[in-house]
Amino acid sequence: MEDRPEAISVEQPRGELTVRTIAMPSDTNANGDIFGGWVMSQMDQAGGIAGVERAQGRVVTVAVEAMTFIRPVAVGDVLCVYTAVDSVGRTSMKIHIEAWARRFQTRIREKVTDATFTFVAIDDDGRPRPVPPL
């Protein structure tokens, strides 16, 4: 049987792998699933890393757009968070962030959520500052 890549639709992460961590029992809710807030926190950290690199300094999160949890994350899964800077304004940046779970003891990788986070570059006094050009 011949494999035809164009006939296979396998979604791939968008962006750069920025954070990779393991989901632990202390991160679960009463159902044994990992808290959505824990996943969101990992995404915020990854976005902050990408934002600091792009802004060449401090950034703060100011908004999160349309986060939908697609699949649960379980204890032992490795959470991989990917970031892509979508747009840069004078002081702000929109960063697309995807969280993928590599399931425990398998090579199965599934997208669990994605969202667009907005970060603002700030100076040492906490005031907005321009994002430097590339």
N, C-alpha and C. Protein backbone atom coordinates (compact mmCIF):
# COMPACT_ATOMS: atom_id res chain seq x y z
N MET A 1 0.84 -1.18 0.00
CA MET A 1 0.00 0.00 0.00
C MET A 1 0.88 1.24 0.00
N GLU A 2 0.56 2.15 -0.84
CA GLU A 2 1.34 3.38 -0.97
C GLU A 2 0.79 4.45 -0.03
N ASP A 3 1.71 5.09 0.71
CA ASP A 3 1.31 6.21 1.57
C ASP A 3 1.25 7.46 0.71
N ARG A 4 0.16 8.20 0.86
CA ARG A 4 0.00 9.47 0.15
C ARG A 4 -0.09 10.58 1.18
N PRO A 5 1.01 11.32 1.40
CA PRO A 5 1.01 12.37 2.43
C PRO A 5 -0.12 13.37 2.28
N GLU A 6 -0.52 13.68 1.02
CA GLU A 6 -1.57 14.66 0.85
C GLU A 6 -2.93 14.15 1.35
N ALA A 7 -3.07 12.83 1.50
CA ALA A 7 -4.33 12.26 1.96
C ALA A 7 -4.39 12.16 3.48
N ILE A 8 -3.25 12.36 4.13
CA ILE A 8 -3.19 12.25 5.58
C ILE A 8 -3.26 13.64 6.18
N SER A 9 -4.23 13.87 7.06
CA SER A 9 -4.38 15.17 7.69
C SER A 9 -4.00 15.06 9.16
N VAL A 10 -2.77 15.39 9.47
CA VAL A 10 -2.29 15.33 10.84
C VAL A 10 -1.86 16.74 11.25
N GLU A 11 -2.58 17.30 12.21
CA GLU A 11 -2.27 18.66 12.66
C GLU A 11 -0.93 18.69 13.39
N GLN A 12 -0.17 19.73 13.13
CA GLN A 12 1.13 19.92 13.76
C GLN A 12 1.08 21.21 14.59
N PRO A 13 1.89 21.27 15.66
CA PRO A 13 1.94 22.50 16.45
C PRO A 13 2.43 23.67 15.60
N ARG A 14 1.90 24.85 15.92
CA ARG A 14 2.33 26.07 15.24
C ARG A 14 3.23 26.84 16.19
N GLY A 15 4.39 27.24 15.71
CA GLY A 15 5.30 28.03 16.52
C GLY A 15 6.47 27.24 17.03
N GLU A 16 7.14 27.84 18.00
CA GLU A 16 8.36 27.29 18.58
C GLU A 16 8.06 26.66 19.93
N LEU A 17 8.64 25.47 20.19
CA LEU A 17 8.49 24.86 21.51
C LEU A 17 9.16 25.76 22.53
N THR A 18 8.38 26.24 23.50
CA THR A 18 8.89 27.24 24.45
C THR A 18 8.93 26.72 25.87
N VAL A 19 7.95 25.89 26.26
CA VAL A 19 7.91 25.30 27.60
C VAL A 19 7.52 23.84 27.47
N ARG A 20 8.19 23.02 28.27
CA ARG A 20 7.86 21.59 28.31
C ARG A 20 7.93 21.16 29.76
N THR A 21 6.83 20.58 30.27
CA THR A 21 6.79 20.18 31.68
C THR A 21 5.86 18.98 31.84
N ILE A 22 5.98 18.30 32.96
CA ILE A 22 5.15 17.12 33.22
C ILE A 22 4.01 17.47 34.16
N ALA A 23 2.83 16.93 33.88
CA ALA A 23 1.66 17.13 34.73
C ALA A 23 1.74 16.18 35.93
N MET A 24 1.65 16.74 37.12
CA MET A 24 1.82 15.98 38.36
C MET A 24 0.50 15.83 39.13
N PRO A 25 0.41 14.85 40.04
CA PRO A 25 -0.83 14.65 40.81
C PRO A 25 -1.29 15.90 41.57
N SER A 26 -0.37 16.72 42.01
CA SER A 26 -0.76 17.93 42.77
C SER A 26 -1.45 18.97 41.89
N ASP A 27 -1.44 18.77 40.57
CA ASP A 27 -2.05 19.72 39.63
C ASP A 27 -3.46 19.31 39.20
N THR A 28 -4.06 18.31 39.89
CA THR A 28 -5.36 17.78 39.45
C THR A 28 -6.55 18.37 40.19
N ASN A 29 -7.72 18.23 39.52
CA ASN A 29 -8.98 18.57 40.16
C ASN A 29 -9.57 17.30 40.79
N ALA A 30 -10.78 17.39 41.29
CA ALA A 30 -11.41 16.26 41.98
C ALA A 30 -11.67 15.07 41.05
N ASN A 31 -11.73 15.31 39.75
CA ASN A 31 -11.94 14.22 38.78
C ASN A 31 -10.64 13.55 38.36
N GLY A 32 -9.51 14.06 38.84
CA GLY A 32 -8.23 13.49 38.47
C GLY A 32 -7.64 14.07 37.20
N ASP A 33 -8.33 15.04 36.61
CA ASP A 33 -7.79 15.73 35.43
C ASP A 33 -6.96 16.93 35.89
N ILE A 34 -6.02 17.30 35.07
CA ILE A 34 -5.20 18.48 35.38
C ILE A 34 -6.08 19.73 35.27
N PHE A 35 -5.95 20.63 36.26
CA PHE A 35 -6.69 21.89 36.27
C PHE A 35 -6.44 22.68 34.99
N GLY A 36 -7.50 23.23 34.42
CA GLY A 36 -7.36 24.12 33.28
C GLY A 36 -6.50 25.33 33.62
N GLY A 37 -6.60 25.79 34.85
CA GLY A 37 -5.81 26.94 35.28
C GLY A 37 -4.31 26.64 35.28
N TRP A 38 -3.95 25.39 35.57
CA TRP A 38 -2.54 25.00 35.52
C TRP A 38 -2.05 25.06 34.08
N VAL A 39 -2.85 24.55 33.16
CA VAL A 39 -2.48 24.58 31.74
C VAL A 39 -2.35 26.04 31.29
N MET A 40 -3.31 26.87 31.67
CA MET A 40 -3.27 28.28 31.28
C MET A 40 -2.03 28.97 31.85
N SER A 41 -1.65 28.61 33.06
CA SER A 41 -0.46 29.18 33.68
C SER A 41 0.80 28.82 32.89
N GLN A 42 0.89 27.58 32.44
CA GLN A 42 2.03 27.17 31.62
C GLN A 42 2.06 27.94 30.31
N MET A 43 0.88 28.16 29.74
CA MET A 43 0.78 28.93 28.49
C MET A 43 1.21 30.38 28.72
N ASP A 44 0.80 30.95 29.84
CA ASP A 44 1.16 32.34 30.15
C ASP A 44 2.67 32.46 30.34
N GLN A 45 3.27 31.47 30.99
CA GLN A 45 4.73 31.48 31.16
C GLN A 45 5.43 31.41 29.82
N ALA A 46 4.95 30.52 28.94
CA ALA A 46 5.56 30.38 27.61
C ALA A 46 5.41 31.68 26.82
N GLY A 47 4.22 32.27 26.88
CA GLY A 47 4.01 33.55 26.19
C GLY A 47 4.89 34.64 26.74
N GLY A 48 5.11 34.63 28.05
CA GLY A 48 6.00 35.61 28.68
C GLY A 48 7.43 35.45 28.19
N ILE A 49 7.87 34.21 28.04
CA ILE A 49 9.22 33.95 27.54
C ILE A 49 9.35 34.49 26.11
N ALA A 50 8.38 34.15 25.27
CA ALA A 50 8.41 34.62 23.87
C ALA A 50 8.31 36.15 23.81
N GLY A 51 7.48 36.73 24.67
CA GLY A 51 7.32 38.18 24.70
C GLY A 51 8.57 38.90 25.13
N VAL A 52 9.24 38.39 26.16
CA VAL A 52 10.48 39.00 26.64
C VAL A 52 11.55 38.94 25.55
N GLU A 53 11.62 37.80 24.85
CA GLU A 53 12.61 37.69 23.78
C GLU A 53 12.34 38.70 22.67
N ARG A 54 11.05 38.84 22.28
CA ARG A 54 10.72 39.76 21.19
C ARG A 54 10.83 41.22 21.62
N ALA A 55 10.38 41.52 22.85
CA ALA A 55 10.38 42.92 23.33
C ALA A 55 11.73 43.34 23.91
N GLN A 56 12.62 42.38 24.08
CA GLN A 56 13.94 42.64 24.66
C GLN A 56 13.84 43.29 26.03
N GLY A 57 12.93 42.77 26.84
CA GLY A 57 12.74 43.29 28.20
C GLY A 57 11.43 42.82 28.78
N ARG A 58 11.05 43.42 29.90
CA ARG A 58 9.86 43.01 30.66
C ARG A 58 8.59 43.15 29.84
N VAL A 59 7.67 42.19 30.08
CA VAL A 59 6.33 42.25 29.49
C VAL A 59 5.32 41.81 30.55
N VAL A 60 4.07 42.23 30.34
CA VAL A 60 2.98 41.78 31.20
C VAL A 60 1.83 41.29 30.32
N THR A 61 1.09 40.33 30.85
CA THR A 61 -0.08 39.82 30.15
C THR A 61 -1.23 40.78 30.38
N VAL A 62 -1.93 41.18 29.30
CA VAL A 62 -3.07 42.07 29.46
C VAL A 62 -4.38 41.47 28.97
N ALA A 63 -4.31 40.41 28.15
CA ALA A 63 -5.56 39.80 27.66
C ALA A 63 -5.30 38.39 27.16
N VAL A 64 -6.36 37.58 27.22
CA VAL A 64 -6.36 36.24 26.64
C VAL A 64 -7.64 36.13 25.83
N GLU A 65 -7.48 35.75 24.56
CA GLU A 65 -8.64 35.67 23.66
C GLU A 65 -9.06 34.22 23.42
N ALA A 66 -10.32 33.93 23.58
CA ALA A 66 -10.97 32.71 23.11
C ALA A 66 -10.22 31.42 23.42
N MET A 67 -9.97 31.15 24.68
CA MET A 67 -9.35 29.88 25.05
C MET A 67 -10.43 28.81 25.15
N THR A 68 -10.25 27.73 24.42
CA THR A 68 -11.16 26.60 24.49
C THR A 68 -10.36 25.36 24.83
N PHE A 69 -10.80 24.64 25.84
CA PHE A 69 -10.12 23.41 26.22
C PHE A 69 -10.69 22.28 25.36
N ILE A 70 -9.83 21.69 24.53
CA ILE A 70 -10.23 20.69 23.55
C ILE A 70 -10.24 19.29 24.15
N ARG A 71 -9.19 18.97 24.90
CA ARG A 71 -9.04 17.65 25.51
C ARG A 71 -8.44 17.82 26.90
N PRO A 72 -8.71 16.87 27.81
CA PRO A 72 -8.10 16.96 29.14
C PRO A 72 -6.63 16.57 29.11
N VAL A 73 -5.93 17.03 30.13
CA VAL A 73 -4.54 16.63 30.36
C VAL A 73 -4.56 15.73 31.59
N ALA A 74 -3.81 14.62 31.54
CA ALA A 74 -3.79 13.66 32.64
C ALA A 74 -2.43 13.67 33.34
N VAL A 75 -2.42 13.16 34.55
CA VAL A 75 -1.18 13.01 35.30
C VAL A 75 -0.21 12.16 34.48
N GLY A 76 1.03 12.62 34.40
CA GLY A 76 2.06 11.91 33.66
C GLY A 76 2.23 12.38 32.23
N ASP A 77 1.23 13.10 31.70
CA ASP A 77 1.38 13.66 30.36
C ASP A 77 2.47 14.73 30.37
N VAL A 78 3.18 14.85 29.27
CA VAL A 78 4.14 15.94 29.12
C VAL A 78 3.42 17.05 28.36
N LEU A 79 3.31 18.21 28.98
CA LEU A 79 2.67 19.36 28.34
C LEU A 79 3.74 20.14 27.58
N CYS A 80 3.52 20.30 26.28
CA CYS A 80 4.44 21.05 25.41
C CYS A 80 3.70 22.29 24.94
N VAL A 81 4.28 23.46 25.18
CA VAL A 81 3.63 24.72 24.85
C VAL A 81 4.44 25.42 23.76
N TYR A 82 3.75 25.75 22.67
CA TYR A 82 4.36 26.37 21.50
C TYR A 82 3.88 27.81 21.36
N THR A 83 4.78 28.70 20.94
CA THR A 83 4.43 30.12 20.80
C THR A 83 4.82 30.63 19.42
N ALA A 84 4.00 31.57 18.93
CA ALA A 84 4.30 32.25 17.67
C ALA A 84 3.82 33.70 17.81
N VAL A 85 4.73 34.65 17.61
CA VAL A 85 4.35 36.06 17.66
C VAL A 85 3.57 36.37 16.39
N ASP A 86 2.28 36.69 16.56
CA ASP A 86 1.41 36.96 15.40
C ASP A 86 1.50 38.40 14.93
N SER A 87 1.55 39.35 15.87
CA SER A 87 1.61 40.75 15.48
C SER A 87 2.27 41.57 16.58
N VAL A 88 2.86 42.68 16.16
CA VAL A 88 3.51 43.59 17.10
C VAL A 88 3.00 44.99 16.82
N GLY A 89 2.50 45.65 17.87
CA GLY A 89 2.09 47.04 17.77
C GLY A 89 3.18 47.93 18.35
N ARG A 90 2.82 49.13 18.73
CA ARG A 90 3.83 50.04 19.30
C ARG A 90 4.36 49.53 20.63
N THR A 91 3.45 49.13 21.55
CA THR A 91 3.87 48.64 22.87
C THR A 91 3.38 47.23 23.15
N SER A 92 2.54 46.68 22.28
CA SER A 92 1.94 45.37 22.58
C SER A 92 2.25 44.34 21.50
N MET A 93 2.04 43.09 21.88
CA MET A 93 2.25 41.95 20.97
C MET A 93 1.13 40.94 21.17
N LYS A 94 0.66 40.36 20.09
CA LYS A 94 -0.28 39.24 20.16
C LYS A 94 0.53 37.99 19.87
N ILE A 95 0.46 37.04 20.81
CA ILE A 95 1.22 35.81 20.68
C ILE A 95 0.25 34.63 20.69
N HIS A 96 0.28 33.84 19.62
CA HIS A 96 -0.54 32.63 19.53
C HIS A 96 0.17 31.56 20.34
N ILE A 97 -0.59 30.90 21.21
CA ILE A 97 -0.02 29.89 22.10
C ILE A 97 -0.85 28.62 22.01
N GLU A 98 -0.19 27.50 21.79
CA GLU A 98 -0.84 26.19 21.73
C GLU A 98 -0.24 25.29 22.79
N ALA A 99 -1.09 24.53 23.47
CA ALA A 99 -0.63 23.52 24.42
C ALA A 99 -0.97 22.14 23.85
N TRP A 100 0.02 21.30 23.82
CA TRP A 100 -0.11 19.93 23.32
C TRP A 100 0.30 18.97 24.43
N ALA A 101 -0.39 17.85 24.55
CA ALA A 101 -0.04 16.82 25.53
C ALA A 101 0.58 15.64 24.80
N ARG A 102 1.76 15.23 25.26
CA ARG A 102 2.33 13.96 24.82
C ARG A 102 1.92 12.96 25.89
N ARG A 103 1.05 12.06 25.50
CA ARG A 103 0.43 11.16 26.46
C ARG A 103 1.45 10.24 27.13
N PHE A 104 1.21 10.00 28.42
CA PHE A 104 2.10 9.21 29.26
C PHE A 104 2.41 7.86 28.62
N GLN A 105 3.67 7.54 28.53
CA GLN A 105 4.20 6.27 28.01
C GLN A 105 3.81 5.97 26.57
N THR A 106 3.48 6.98 25.81
CA THR A 106 3.18 6.77 24.39
C THR A 106 3.84 7.87 23.58
N ARG A 107 3.75 7.78 22.28
CA ARG A 107 4.23 8.85 21.41
C ARG A 107 3.05 9.65 20.87
N ILE A 108 1.87 9.41 21.41
CA ILE A 108 0.68 10.12 20.94
C ILE A 108 0.73 11.56 21.44
N ARG A 109 0.55 12.50 20.50
CA ARG A 109 0.57 13.92 20.82
C ARG A 109 -0.76 14.51 20.37
N GLU A 110 -1.43 15.23 21.29
CA GLU A 110 -2.73 15.83 20.98
C GLU A 110 -2.76 17.28 21.45
N LYS A 111 -3.36 18.13 20.61
CA LYS A 111 -3.56 19.53 21.02
C LYS A 111 -4.64 19.54 22.10
N VAL A 112 -4.36 20.24 23.20
CA VAL A 112 -5.33 20.31 24.28
C VAL A 112 -6.00 21.68 24.38
N THR A 113 -5.33 22.74 23.95
CA THR A 113 -5.93 24.06 23.93
C THR A 113 -5.05 25.03 23.14
N ASP A 114 -5.65 26.13 22.73
CA ASP A 114 -4.88 27.22 22.15
C ASP A 114 -5.60 28.53 22.41
N ALA A 115 -4.86 29.61 22.30
CA ALA A 115 -5.42 30.95 22.53
C ALA A 115 -4.42 31.98 22.03
N THR A 116 -4.90 33.21 21.94
CA THR A 116 -4.02 34.33 21.64
C THR A 116 -3.92 35.19 22.89
N PHE A 117 -2.70 35.39 23.34
CA PHE A 117 -2.43 36.22 24.52
C PHE A 117 -1.88 37.56 24.03
N THR A 118 -2.27 38.63 24.70
CA THR A 118 -1.71 39.95 24.41
C THR A 118 -0.80 40.35 25.55
N PHE A 119 0.42 40.72 25.20
CA PHE A 119 1.41 41.19 26.17
C PHE A 119 1.77 42.63 25.84
N VAL A 120 2.09 43.41 26.89
CA VAL A 120 2.55 44.79 26.72
C VAL A 120 3.96 44.87 27.28
N ALA A 121 4.86 45.48 26.52
CA ALA A 121 6.22 45.73 26.98
C ALA A 121 6.18 46.86 28.00
N ILE A 122 6.91 46.68 29.11
CA ILE A 122 6.93 47.71 30.14
C ILE A 122 8.36 48.06 30.52
N ASP A 123 8.52 49.28 31.05
CA ASP A 123 9.83 49.72 31.52
C ASP A 123 10.01 49.34 32.99
N ASP A 124 11.10 49.77 33.58
CA ASP A 124 11.40 49.42 34.98
C ASP A 124 10.39 49.99 35.97
N ASP A 125 9.64 51.00 35.55
CA ASP A 125 8.62 51.60 36.42
C ASP A 125 7.23 51.02 36.16
N GLY A 126 7.15 50.04 35.28
CA GLY A 126 5.87 49.41 34.99
C GLY A 126 5.02 50.13 33.97
N ARG A 127 5.61 51.11 33.28
CA ARG A 127 4.86 51.86 32.26
C ARG A 127 5.12 51.26 30.89
N PRO A 128 4.10 51.29 30.00
CA PRO A 128 4.28 50.76 28.64
C PRO A 128 5.46 51.44 27.95
N ARG A 129 6.19 50.66 27.18
CA ARG A 129 7.32 51.17 26.41
C ARG A 129 7.25 50.58 25.00
N PRO A 130 7.87 51.23 24.04
CA PRO A 130 7.83 50.69 22.67
C PRO A 130 8.55 49.35 22.54
N VAL A 131 7.99 48.49 21.72
CA VAL A 131 8.66 47.24 21.37
C VAL A 131 9.68 47.58 20.28
N PRO A 132 10.95 47.22 20.49
CA PRO A 132 11.96 47.56 19.49
C PRO A 132 11.69 46.85 18.15
N PRO A 133 12.04 47.49 17.05
CA PRO A 133 11.90 46.83 15.74
C PRO A 133 12.88 45.67 15.66
N LEU A 134 12.58 44.73 14.78
CA LEU A 134 13.49 43.58 14.59
C LEU A 134 14.77 44.02 13.93
